[in-house]
């Protein structure tokens, strides 16, 4: 298991990785938390990993289960549980990378923590628009005029009572001469 954890950290360094080979601990962890991806050995002590996968998927149907085993004959049964993929031991970084690139339910870098941070303090979209508008020398009036919207619309954006649609966000970035990611950072580490 330690080799798999190391491979995961190399393939996806910023991933939050938890590891266990204890069936009871896995059941407890998956009962209290939602995981985007679970690498699950089919041959677990005390239970069959495929049965455990079924229980996890009942509670969290959009979890990517990646079944691992040394026995090819489990492949068909694995796929019948809607596993994202099936990895035959020995596990390598190449196999881990393949599994990550072929998830049934793609994993976004947008975490709950990131969304919370985005809606508070200096990360609030309206505050970013206002800050960048001022930095680029626009008054509220001149900005509204340049975007062909009302003064009220700009004020609502900046107060956070309204949010510009995607096309308008691109237009705002264009008018300000910035990248869209300057308004809405896509990297949760920003």
N, C-alpha and C. Protein backbone atom coordinates (compact mmCIF):
# COMPACT_ATOMS: atom_id res chain seq x y z
N UNK A 1 0.81 -1.19 0.00
CA UNK A 1 0.00 0.00 0.00
C UNK A 1 0.86 1.27 0.00
N UNK A 2 1.96 1.24 0.71
CA UNK A 2 2.83 2.42 0.77
C UNK A 2 3.33 2.81 -0.61
N UNK A 3 3.59 1.82 -1.46
CA UNK A 3 4.03 2.09 -2.82
C UNK A 3 2.95 2.81 -3.62
N UNK A 4 1.70 2.39 -3.45
CA UNK A 4 0.59 3.05 -4.13
C UNK A 4 0.45 4.49 -3.65
N UNK A 5 0.53 4.71 -2.36
CA UNK A 5 0.43 6.07 -1.82
C UNK A 5 1.53 6.97 -2.37
N UNK A 6 2.74 6.43 -2.46
CA UNK A 6 3.85 7.18 -3.02
C UNK A 6 3.60 7.49 -4.50
N UNK A 7 3.15 6.50 -5.26
CA UNK A 7 2.84 6.71 -6.67
C UNK A 7 1.76 7.78 -6.84
N UNK A 8 0.73 7.76 -6.00
CA UNK A 8 -0.34 8.77 -6.07
C UNK A 8 0.21 10.17 -5.81
N UNK A 9 1.08 10.29 -4.82
CA UNK A 9 1.67 11.60 -4.50
C UNK A 9 2.57 12.11 -5.63
N UNK A 10 3.22 11.21 -6.34
CA UNK A 10 4.07 11.61 -7.46
C UNK A 10 3.21 12.02 -8.65
N UNK A 11 2.17 11.24 -8.93
CA UNK A 11 1.30 11.52 -10.07
C UNK A 11 0.45 12.78 -9.84
N UNK A 12 -0.03 12.98 -8.61
CA UNK A 12 -0.87 14.13 -8.29
C UNK A 12 -0.41 14.70 -6.95
N UNK A 13 0.68 15.52 -6.97
CA UNK A 13 1.30 16.00 -5.74
C UNK A 13 0.37 16.77 -4.80
N UNK A 14 -0.61 17.47 -5.34
CA UNK A 14 -1.48 18.27 -4.48
C UNK A 14 -2.72 17.51 -4.00
N UNK A 15 -2.79 16.21 -4.29
CA UNK A 15 -3.93 15.41 -3.87
C UNK A 15 -3.88 15.15 -2.36
N UNK A 16 -5.04 15.13 -1.75
CA UNK A 16 -5.17 14.77 -0.35
C UNK A 16 -5.36 13.26 -0.31
N UNK A 17 -4.35 12.53 0.10
CA UNK A 17 -4.34 11.07 0.02
C UNK A 17 -4.45 10.47 1.41
N UNK A 18 -5.39 9.54 1.55
CA UNK A 18 -5.56 8.77 2.79
C UNK A 18 -5.43 7.31 2.42
N UNK A 19 -4.77 6.54 3.23
CA UNK A 19 -4.60 5.13 2.90
C UNK A 19 -4.95 4.21 4.05
N UNK A 20 -5.55 3.09 3.70
CA UNK A 20 -5.85 2.06 4.69
C UNK A 20 -6.10 0.74 3.98
N UNK A 21 -5.72 -0.34 4.62
CA UNK A 21 -6.04 -1.66 4.10
C UNK A 21 -6.98 -2.38 5.07
N UNK A 22 -7.47 -1.65 6.07
CA UNK A 22 -8.39 -2.20 7.06
C UNK A 22 -9.82 -1.95 6.61
N UNK A 23 -10.57 -3.01 6.39
CA UNK A 23 -11.95 -2.91 5.90
C UNK A 23 -12.82 -2.03 6.79
N UNK A 24 -12.70 -2.21 8.10
CA UNK A 24 -13.53 -1.42 9.02
C UNK A 24 -13.19 0.07 8.93
N UNK A 25 -11.91 0.37 8.84
CA UNK A 25 -11.51 1.77 8.73
C UNK A 25 -11.98 2.37 7.40
N UNK A 26 -11.87 1.62 6.32
CA UNK A 26 -12.34 2.09 5.02
C UNK A 26 -13.84 2.36 5.08
N UNK A 27 -14.59 1.45 5.68
CA UNK A 27 -16.04 1.64 5.82
C UNK A 27 -16.35 2.88 6.65
N UNK A 28 -15.61 3.07 7.73
CA UNK A 28 -15.82 4.24 8.60
C UNK A 28 -15.49 5.54 7.85
N UNK A 29 -14.37 5.55 7.15
CA UNK A 29 -13.95 6.75 6.42
C UNK A 29 -14.94 7.12 5.33
N UNK A 30 -15.39 6.12 4.58
CA UNK A 30 -16.30 6.40 3.46
C UNK A 30 -17.71 6.69 3.94
N UNK A 31 -18.03 6.31 5.16
CA UNK A 31 -19.35 6.63 5.71
C UNK A 31 -19.40 8.10 6.14
N UNK A 32 -18.27 8.63 6.60
CA UNK A 32 -18.26 10.00 7.12
C UNK A 32 -17.75 11.03 6.12
N UNK A 33 -17.06 10.61 5.07
CA UNK A 33 -16.49 11.55 4.10
C UNK A 33 -16.76 11.06 2.68
N UNK A 34 -16.80 12.01 1.75
CA UNK A 34 -16.93 11.67 0.34
C UNK A 34 -15.55 11.78 -0.29
N UNK A 35 -15.16 10.76 -1.00
CA UNK A 35 -13.88 10.74 -1.70
C UNK A 35 -14.14 10.78 -3.20
N UNK A 36 -13.33 11.54 -3.93
CA UNK A 36 -13.47 11.61 -5.38
C UNK A 36 -13.01 10.31 -6.04
N UNK A 37 -11.91 9.76 -5.52
CA UNK A 37 -11.32 8.55 -6.09
C UNK A 37 -10.92 7.61 -4.95
N UNK A 38 -11.26 6.34 -5.13
CA UNK A 38 -10.85 5.33 -4.15
C UNK A 38 -10.17 4.19 -4.91
N UNK A 39 -8.91 3.95 -4.58
CA UNK A 39 -8.18 2.79 -5.09
C UNK A 39 -8.48 1.67 -4.10
N UNK A 40 -9.14 0.63 -4.57
CA UNK A 40 -9.63 -0.39 -3.66
C UNK A 40 -9.14 -1.77 -4.09
N UNK A 41 -8.38 -2.40 -3.20
CA UNK A 41 -7.90 -3.76 -3.48
C UNK A 41 -9.08 -4.71 -3.36
N UNK A 42 -9.25 -5.56 -4.32
CA UNK A 42 -10.37 -6.50 -4.31
C UNK A 42 -10.19 -7.55 -3.22
N UNK A 43 -8.95 -7.90 -2.93
CA UNK A 43 -8.66 -8.92 -1.92
C UNK A 43 -8.32 -8.26 -0.59
N UNK A 44 -9.38 -7.83 0.13
CA UNK A 44 -9.20 -7.22 1.44
C UNK A 44 -9.46 -8.26 2.51
N UNK A 45 -8.76 -8.14 3.63
CA UNK A 45 -9.02 -9.09 4.72
C UNK A 45 -10.41 -8.81 5.30
N UNK A 46 -11.19 -9.85 5.41
CA UNK A 46 -12.51 -9.70 6.01
C UNK A 46 -13.63 -9.45 5.03
N UNK A 47 -13.33 -9.03 3.82
CA UNK A 47 -14.39 -8.78 2.84
C UNK A 47 -13.81 -8.75 1.44
N UNK A 48 -14.69 -8.83 0.49
CA UNK A 48 -14.32 -8.70 -0.91
C UNK A 48 -14.41 -7.22 -1.27
N UNK A 49 -13.38 -6.68 -1.87
CA UNK A 49 -13.35 -5.26 -2.23
C UNK A 49 -14.48 -4.85 -3.16
N UNK A 50 -14.94 -5.77 -3.99
CA UNK A 50 -16.04 -5.45 -4.90
C UNK A 50 -17.32 -5.23 -4.10
N UNK A 51 -17.54 -6.03 -3.07
CA UNK A 51 -18.72 -5.84 -2.22
C UNK A 51 -18.63 -4.52 -1.46
N UNK A 52 -17.45 -4.18 -1.00
CA UNK A 52 -17.24 -2.91 -0.32
C UNK A 52 -17.47 -1.74 -1.29
N UNK A 53 -17.01 -1.90 -2.54
CA UNK A 53 -17.23 -0.87 -3.56
C UNK A 53 -18.72 -0.64 -3.77
N UNK A 54 -19.50 -1.71 -3.81
CA UNK A 54 -20.96 -1.57 -3.99
C UNK A 54 -21.57 -0.76 -2.85
N UNK A 55 -21.13 -1.02 -1.63
CA UNK A 55 -21.64 -0.27 -0.47
C UNK A 55 -21.26 1.20 -0.55
N UNK A 56 -20.02 1.47 -0.95
CA UNK A 56 -19.57 2.87 -1.08
C UNK A 56 -20.38 3.57 -2.15
N UNK A 57 -20.59 2.90 -3.28
CA UNK A 57 -21.32 3.52 -4.39
C UNK A 57 -22.81 3.71 -4.09
N UNK A 58 -23.37 2.93 -3.18
CA UNK A 58 -24.76 3.16 -2.76
C UNK A 58 -24.88 4.52 -2.09
N UNK A 59 -23.90 4.84 -1.28
CA UNK A 59 -23.93 6.12 -0.54
C UNK A 59 -23.41 7.28 -1.38
N UNK A 60 -22.37 7.03 -2.16
CA UNK A 60 -21.72 8.08 -2.97
C UNK A 60 -21.58 7.57 -4.41
N UNK A 61 -22.65 7.64 -5.20
CA UNK A 61 -22.64 7.03 -6.54
C UNK A 61 -21.66 7.65 -7.54
N UNK A 62 -21.15 8.85 -7.27
CA UNK A 62 -20.22 9.49 -8.20
C UNK A 62 -18.77 9.36 -7.75
N UNK A 63 -18.51 8.38 -6.91
CA UNK A 63 -17.14 8.11 -6.49
C UNK A 63 -16.47 7.26 -7.56
N UNK A 64 -15.26 7.61 -7.91
CA UNK A 64 -14.48 6.81 -8.85
C UNK A 64 -13.81 5.67 -8.09
N UNK A 65 -14.26 4.46 -8.36
CA UNK A 65 -13.64 3.29 -7.75
C UNK A 65 -12.64 2.72 -8.75
N UNK A 66 -11.43 2.53 -8.30
CA UNK A 66 -10.40 1.91 -9.13
C UNK A 66 -10.03 0.61 -8.44
N UNK A 67 -10.49 -0.49 -9.01
CA UNK A 67 -10.24 -1.80 -8.41
C UNK A 67 -8.83 -2.26 -8.74
N UNK A 68 -8.20 -2.84 -7.72
CA UNK A 68 -6.83 -3.33 -7.85
C UNK A 68 -6.81 -4.79 -7.42
N UNK A 69 -6.13 -5.62 -8.19
CA UNK A 69 -5.97 -7.02 -7.80
C UNK A 69 -4.83 -7.65 -8.58
N UNK A 70 -4.44 -8.81 -8.12
CA UNK A 70 -3.45 -9.61 -8.82
C UNK A 70 -4.10 -10.68 -9.68
N UNK A 71 -5.44 -10.70 -9.71
CA UNK A 71 -6.15 -11.76 -10.40
C UNK A 71 -7.05 -11.21 -11.50
N UNK A 72 -6.70 -11.49 -12.73
CA UNK A 72 -7.45 -10.98 -13.89
C UNK A 72 -8.91 -11.40 -13.89
N UNK A 73 -9.23 -12.53 -13.30
CA UNK A 73 -10.60 -13.03 -13.37
C UNK A 73 -11.62 -12.13 -12.67
N UNK A 74 -11.15 -11.16 -11.88
CA UNK A 74 -12.07 -10.22 -11.22
C UNK A 74 -12.45 -9.05 -12.13
N UNK A 75 -11.84 -8.93 -13.28
CA UNK A 75 -12.06 -7.76 -14.13
C UNK A 75 -13.51 -7.56 -14.51
N UNK A 76 -14.19 -8.60 -14.98
CA UNK A 76 -15.58 -8.46 -15.40
C UNK A 76 -16.47 -8.05 -14.23
N UNK A 77 -16.30 -8.72 -13.10
CA UNK A 77 -17.09 -8.38 -11.91
C UNK A 77 -16.81 -6.94 -11.49
N UNK A 78 -15.58 -6.52 -11.60
CA UNK A 78 -15.20 -5.15 -11.27
C UNK A 78 -15.96 -4.14 -12.12
N UNK A 79 -15.99 -4.36 -13.42
CA UNK A 79 -16.67 -3.43 -14.32
C UNK A 79 -18.18 -3.42 -14.11
N UNK A 80 -18.73 -4.52 -13.61
CA UNK A 80 -20.17 -4.57 -13.35
C UNK A 80 -20.57 -3.69 -12.16
N UNK A 81 -19.59 -3.26 -11.38
CA UNK A 81 -19.88 -2.34 -10.27
C UNK A 81 -19.69 -0.89 -10.69
N UNK A 82 -19.48 -0.67 -11.99
CA UNK A 82 -19.22 0.67 -12.52
C UNK A 82 -17.91 1.25 -12.04
N UNK A 83 -16.93 0.41 -11.85
CA UNK A 83 -15.60 0.90 -11.49
C UNK A 83 -15.06 1.76 -12.62
N UNK A 84 -14.28 2.76 -12.27
CA UNK A 84 -13.69 3.61 -13.29
C UNK A 84 -12.69 2.84 -14.12
N UNK A 85 -11.91 2.01 -13.45
CA UNK A 85 -10.98 1.16 -14.17
C UNK A 85 -10.54 0.01 -13.25
N UNK A 86 -9.80 -0.89 -13.82
CA UNK A 86 -9.33 -2.09 -13.13
C UNK A 86 -7.83 -2.14 -13.34
N UNK A 87 -7.08 -2.20 -12.26
CA UNK A 87 -5.61 -2.26 -12.37
C UNK A 87 -5.10 -3.60 -11.87
N UNK A 88 -4.30 -4.21 -12.70
CA UNK A 88 -3.70 -5.49 -12.35
C UNK A 88 -2.34 -5.23 -11.71
N UNK A 89 -2.10 -5.88 -10.58
CA UNK A 89 -0.82 -5.72 -9.89
C UNK A 89 0.29 -6.32 -10.73
N UNK A 90 1.51 -5.83 -10.66
CA UNK A 90 1.97 -4.78 -9.75
C UNK A 90 1.55 -3.39 -10.25
N UNK A 91 1.28 -2.51 -9.29
CA UNK A 91 0.86 -1.14 -9.60
C UNK A 91 2.09 -0.30 -9.86
N UNK A 92 2.04 0.49 -10.93
CA UNK A 92 3.14 1.38 -11.29
C UNK A 92 2.59 2.80 -11.43
N UNK A 93 3.49 3.76 -11.48
CA UNK A 93 3.07 5.15 -11.70
C UNK A 93 2.32 5.28 -13.02
N UNK A 94 2.78 4.56 -14.03
CA UNK A 94 2.12 4.61 -15.33
C UNK A 94 0.67 4.14 -15.21
N UNK A 95 0.43 3.08 -14.47
CA UNK A 95 -0.94 2.57 -14.28
C UNK A 95 -1.78 3.56 -13.47
N UNK A 96 -1.18 4.15 -12.46
CA UNK A 96 -1.90 5.14 -11.64
C UNK A 96 -2.27 6.35 -12.50
N UNK A 97 -1.34 6.80 -13.31
CA UNK A 97 -1.60 7.93 -14.21
C UNK A 97 -2.72 7.59 -15.20
N UNK A 98 -2.69 6.40 -15.76
CA UNK A 98 -3.74 5.95 -16.67
C UNK A 98 -5.10 5.98 -15.95
N UNK A 99 -5.14 5.43 -14.75
CA UNK A 99 -6.39 5.39 -13.99
C UNK A 99 -6.92 6.79 -13.74
N UNK A 100 -6.04 7.69 -13.39
CA UNK A 100 -6.44 9.08 -13.11
C UNK A 100 -6.97 9.76 -14.37
N UNK A 101 -6.39 9.45 -15.51
CA UNK A 101 -6.82 10.07 -16.77
C UNK A 101 -8.10 9.46 -17.33
N UNK A 102 -8.55 8.33 -16.79
CA UNK A 102 -9.73 7.64 -17.31
C UNK A 102 -10.81 7.45 -16.25
N UNK A 103 -11.01 8.47 -15.44
CA UNK A 103 -12.02 8.39 -14.40
C UNK A 103 -13.41 8.47 -15.01
N UNK A 104 -14.32 7.71 -14.47
CA UNK A 104 -15.72 7.74 -14.91
C UNK A 104 -16.33 9.11 -14.62
N UNK A 105 -15.99 9.67 -13.46
CA UNK A 105 -16.49 10.98 -13.04
C UNK A 105 -15.29 11.89 -12.86
N UNK A 106 -15.00 12.75 -13.85
CA UNK A 106 -13.82 13.61 -13.73
C UNK A 106 -13.82 14.41 -12.43
N UNK A 107 -12.64 14.61 -11.91
CA UNK A 107 -12.47 15.31 -10.64
C UNK A 107 -12.01 16.74 -10.92
N UNK A 108 -12.72 17.66 -10.34
CA UNK A 108 -12.40 19.08 -10.51
C UNK A 108 -11.42 19.52 -9.43
N UNK A 109 -10.60 20.49 -9.75
CA UNK A 109 -9.72 21.10 -8.76
C UNK A 109 -10.46 22.10 -7.89
N UNK A 110 -11.73 22.28 -8.16
CA UNK A 110 -12.53 23.24 -7.40
C UNK A 110 -13.09 22.51 -6.19
N UNK A 111 -12.51 22.77 -5.05
CA UNK A 111 -12.90 22.11 -3.81
C UNK A 111 -13.89 22.96 -3.04
N UNK A 112 -14.52 22.36 -2.03
CA UNK A 112 -15.43 23.11 -1.15
C UNK A 112 -14.68 24.24 -0.46
N UNK A 113 -13.45 23.96 -0.05
CA UNK A 113 -12.63 24.98 0.60
C UNK A 113 -12.39 26.16 -0.34
N UNK A 114 -12.09 25.86 -1.59
CA UNK A 114 -11.86 26.90 -2.58
C UNK A 114 -13.13 27.73 -2.80
N UNK A 115 -14.28 27.07 -2.90
CA UNK A 115 -15.54 27.79 -3.09
C UNK A 115 -15.85 28.68 -1.90
N UNK A 116 -15.56 28.20 -0.70
CA UNK A 116 -15.78 29.01 0.50
C UNK A 116 -14.88 30.24 0.48
N UNK A 117 -13.61 30.03 0.10
CA UNK A 117 -12.67 31.13 0.05
C UNK A 117 -13.04 32.13 -1.03
N UNK A 118 -13.57 31.62 -2.14
CA UNK A 118 -13.95 32.49 -3.25
C UNK A 118 -15.11 33.40 -2.88
N UNK A 119 -15.94 32.95 -1.95
CA UNK A 119 -17.11 33.75 -1.58
C UNK A 119 -16.86 34.61 -0.36
N UNK A 120 -15.62 34.73 0.07
CA UNK A 120 -15.30 35.54 1.25
C UNK A 120 -14.10 36.44 0.98
N UNK A 121 -14.11 37.59 1.62
CA UNK A 121 -12.96 38.49 1.56
C UNK A 121 -12.64 38.98 0.17
N UNK A 122 -11.35 39.08 -0.13
CA UNK A 122 -10.89 39.66 -1.39
C UNK A 122 -11.16 38.78 -2.60
N UNK A 123 -11.58 37.53 -2.38
CA UNK A 123 -11.85 36.64 -3.50
C UNK A 123 -13.26 36.78 -4.06
N UNK A 124 -14.11 37.58 -3.43
CA UNK A 124 -15.46 37.75 -3.94
C UNK A 124 -15.38 38.40 -5.32
N UNK A 125 -16.11 37.84 -6.27
CA UNK A 125 -16.06 38.30 -7.65
C UNK A 125 -16.33 39.79 -7.78
N UNK A 126 -17.38 40.28 -7.13
CA UNK A 126 -17.71 41.70 -7.21
C UNK A 126 -16.57 42.59 -6.73
N UNK A 127 -15.92 42.15 -5.66
CA UNK A 127 -14.79 42.93 -5.13
C UNK A 127 -13.63 42.91 -6.13
N UNK A 128 -13.42 41.80 -6.79
CA UNK A 128 -12.35 41.71 -7.80
C UNK A 128 -12.65 42.63 -8.98
N UNK A 129 -13.91 42.61 -9.43
CA UNK A 129 -14.29 43.47 -10.55
C UNK A 129 -14.05 44.93 -10.18
N UNK A 130 -14.50 45.34 -9.01
CA UNK A 130 -14.34 46.74 -8.57
C UNK A 130 -12.86 47.10 -8.45
N UNK A 131 -12.09 46.23 -7.82
CA UNK A 131 -10.65 46.50 -7.64
C UNK A 131 -9.97 46.67 -8.99
N UNK A 132 -10.25 45.78 -9.93
CA UNK A 132 -9.59 45.85 -11.23
C UNK A 132 -10.12 47.01 -12.06
N UNK A 133 -11.39 47.33 -11.91
CA UNK A 133 -11.95 48.50 -12.61
C UNK A 133 -11.21 49.76 -12.18
N UNK A 134 -11.02 49.92 -10.88
CA UNK A 134 -10.34 51.09 -10.35
C UNK A 134 -8.87 51.10 -10.78
N UNK A 135 -8.20 49.94 -10.67
CA UNK A 135 -6.79 49.83 -11.07
C UNK A 135 -6.58 50.20 -12.54
N UNK A 136 -7.58 49.96 -13.36
CA UNK A 136 -7.47 50.24 -14.79
C UNK A 136 -8.05 51.60 -15.17
N UNK A 137 -8.34 52.40 -14.15
CA UNK A 137 -8.72 53.79 -14.38
C UNK A 137 -10.15 54.04 -14.82
N UNK A 138 -11.03 53.10 -14.60
CA UNK A 138 -12.43 53.29 -14.98
C UNK A 138 -13.25 53.77 -13.79
N UNK A 139 -14.11 54.75 -14.02
CA UNK A 139 -15.14 55.09 -13.05
C UNK A 139 -16.26 54.08 -13.24
N UNK A 140 -17.17 54.05 -12.32
CA UNK A 140 -18.31 53.14 -12.47
C UNK A 140 -19.07 53.47 -13.75
N UNK A 141 -19.24 54.77 -13.99
CA UNK A 141 -19.97 55.21 -15.18
C UNK A 141 -19.26 54.84 -16.47
N UNK A 142 -17.96 55.12 -16.53
CA UNK A 142 -17.23 54.84 -17.78
C UNK A 142 -17.13 53.33 -18.03
N UNK A 143 -17.05 52.55 -16.97
CA UNK A 143 -17.00 51.09 -17.09
C UNK A 143 -18.33 50.56 -17.63
N UNK A 144 -19.42 51.06 -17.07
CA UNK A 144 -20.75 50.65 -17.54
C UNK A 144 -20.92 51.01 -19.01
N UNK A 145 -20.49 52.20 -19.36
CA UNK A 145 -20.62 52.65 -20.75
C UNK A 145 -19.78 51.77 -21.68
N UNK A 146 -18.56 51.46 -21.28
CA UNK A 146 -17.67 50.62 -22.11
C UNK A 146 -18.26 49.22 -22.31
N UNK A 147 -18.96 48.72 -21.29
CA UNK A 147 -19.55 47.38 -21.37
C UNK A 147 -20.95 47.38 -21.97
N UNK A 148 -21.47 48.58 -22.19
CA UNK A 148 -22.82 48.74 -22.73
C UNK A 148 -23.88 48.13 -21.79
N UNK A 149 -23.71 48.41 -20.49
CA UNK A 149 -24.67 48.00 -19.46
C UNK A 149 -25.02 49.24 -18.63
N UNK A 150 -26.02 49.12 -17.79
CA UNK A 150 -26.41 50.26 -16.96
C UNK A 150 -25.47 50.42 -15.77
N UNK A 151 -25.45 51.59 -15.22
CA UNK A 151 -24.68 51.88 -14.02
C UNK A 151 -25.15 50.97 -12.88
N UNK A 152 -26.46 50.77 -12.80
CA UNK A 152 -27.04 49.90 -11.77
C UNK A 152 -26.50 48.48 -11.88
N UNK A 153 -26.35 47.98 -13.09
CA UNK A 153 -25.83 46.63 -13.30
C UNK A 153 -24.42 46.50 -12.73
N UNK A 154 -23.56 47.46 -13.04
CA UNK A 154 -22.18 47.42 -12.52
C UNK A 154 -22.20 47.48 -10.99
N UNK A 155 -23.03 48.35 -10.43
CA UNK A 155 -23.12 48.47 -8.97
C UNK A 155 -23.58 47.16 -8.34
N UNK A 156 -24.53 46.49 -8.98
CA UNK A 156 -25.01 45.20 -8.45
C UNK A 156 -23.91 44.14 -8.51
N UNK A 157 -23.14 44.13 -9.60
CA UNK A 157 -22.03 43.18 -9.67
C UNK A 157 -21.05 43.43 -8.53
N UNK A 158 -20.69 44.67 -8.36
CA UNK A 158 -19.66 45.01 -7.37
C UNK A 158 -20.14 44.79 -5.94
N UNK A 159 -21.42 44.89 -5.69
CA UNK A 159 -21.98 44.63 -4.36
C UNK A 159 -22.23 43.14 -4.13
N UNK A 160 -22.20 42.37 -5.22
CA UNK A 160 -22.41 40.94 -5.11
C UNK A 160 -23.87 40.51 -5.15
N UNK A 161 -24.78 41.44 -5.43
CA UNK A 161 -26.19 41.06 -5.51
C UNK A 161 -26.54 40.46 -6.87
N UNK A 162 -25.66 40.64 -7.85
CA UNK A 162 -25.81 40.02 -9.17
C UNK A 162 -24.44 39.53 -9.61
N UNK A 163 -24.46 38.54 -10.50
CA UNK A 163 -23.21 37.99 -11.04
C UNK A 163 -23.30 38.05 -12.55
N UNK A 164 -22.28 38.58 -13.21
CA UNK A 164 -22.30 38.59 -14.67
C UNK A 164 -22.29 37.18 -15.24
N UNK A 165 -22.95 37.00 -16.38
CA UNK A 165 -22.91 35.69 -17.02
C UNK A 165 -21.53 35.46 -17.64
N UNK A 166 -21.31 34.28 -18.16
CA UNK A 166 -19.99 33.90 -18.68
C UNK A 166 -19.52 34.82 -19.80
N UNK A 167 -20.41 35.15 -20.74
CA UNK A 167 -20.02 36.01 -21.85
C UNK A 167 -19.65 37.39 -21.34
N UNK A 168 -20.41 37.90 -20.38
CA UNK A 168 -20.09 39.22 -19.82
C UNK A 168 -18.78 39.18 -19.05
N UNK A 169 -18.51 38.10 -18.34
CA UNK A 169 -17.22 37.99 -17.65
C UNK A 169 -16.07 38.07 -18.64
N UNK A 170 -16.23 37.41 -19.78
CA UNK A 170 -15.19 37.47 -20.81
C UNK A 170 -15.07 38.90 -21.35
N UNK A 171 -16.20 39.57 -21.53
CA UNK A 171 -16.18 40.95 -22.01
C UNK A 171 -15.51 41.87 -20.99
N UNK A 172 -15.80 41.67 -19.70
CA UNK A 172 -15.16 42.47 -18.64
C UNK A 172 -13.65 42.28 -18.70
N UNK A 173 -13.21 41.03 -18.81
CA UNK A 173 -11.77 40.75 -18.90
C UNK A 173 -11.17 41.42 -20.13
N UNK A 174 -11.88 41.37 -21.23
CA UNK A 174 -11.40 41.98 -22.46
C UNK A 174 -11.26 43.50 -22.30
N UNK A 175 -12.28 44.15 -21.74
CA UNK A 175 -12.25 45.60 -21.54
C UNK A 175 -11.11 46.00 -20.60
N UNK A 176 -10.89 45.20 -19.56
CA UNK A 176 -9.83 45.51 -18.60
C UNK A 176 -8.44 45.08 -19.10
N UNK A 177 -8.41 44.31 -20.18
CA UNK A 177 -7.12 43.86 -20.71
C UNK A 177 -6.46 42.82 -19.81
N UNK A 178 -7.29 41.99 -19.20
CA UNK A 178 -6.77 40.96 -18.29
C UNK A 178 -7.26 39.59 -18.75
N UNK A 179 -6.77 38.56 -18.12
CA UNK A 179 -7.23 37.20 -18.38
C UNK A 179 -8.45 36.93 -17.52
N UNK A 180 -9.32 36.06 -17.99
CA UNK A 180 -10.50 35.68 -17.22
C UNK A 180 -10.11 35.10 -15.87
N UNK A 181 -9.00 34.40 -15.83
CA UNK A 181 -8.53 33.80 -14.58
C UNK A 181 -8.09 34.85 -13.56
N UNK A 182 -7.87 36.10 -14.00
CA UNK A 182 -7.58 37.17 -13.05
C UNK A 182 -8.83 37.54 -12.26
N UNK A 183 -9.99 37.36 -12.88
CA UNK A 183 -11.26 37.61 -12.20
C UNK A 183 -11.70 36.41 -11.38
N UNK A 184 -11.57 35.24 -11.98
CA UNK A 184 -11.97 34.00 -11.33
C UNK A 184 -10.81 33.04 -11.42
N UNK A 185 -9.95 32.99 -10.44
CA UNK A 185 -8.81 32.09 -10.52
C UNK A 185 -9.27 30.64 -10.58
N UNK A 186 -8.73 29.88 -11.52
CA UNK A 186 -9.13 28.49 -11.69
C UNK A 186 -8.31 27.55 -10.84
N UNK A 187 -7.20 27.99 -10.35
CA UNK A 187 -6.36 27.15 -9.50
C UNK A 187 -6.77 27.39 -8.07
N UNK A 188 -7.18 26.32 -7.38
CA UNK A 188 -7.65 26.46 -6.00
C UNK A 188 -6.54 26.91 -5.06
N UNK A 189 -5.31 26.96 -5.52
CA UNK A 189 -4.19 27.41 -4.68
C UNK A 189 -4.02 28.94 -4.75
N UNK A 190 -4.71 29.60 -5.70
CA UNK A 190 -4.57 31.07 -5.85
C UNK A 190 -5.08 31.80 -4.63
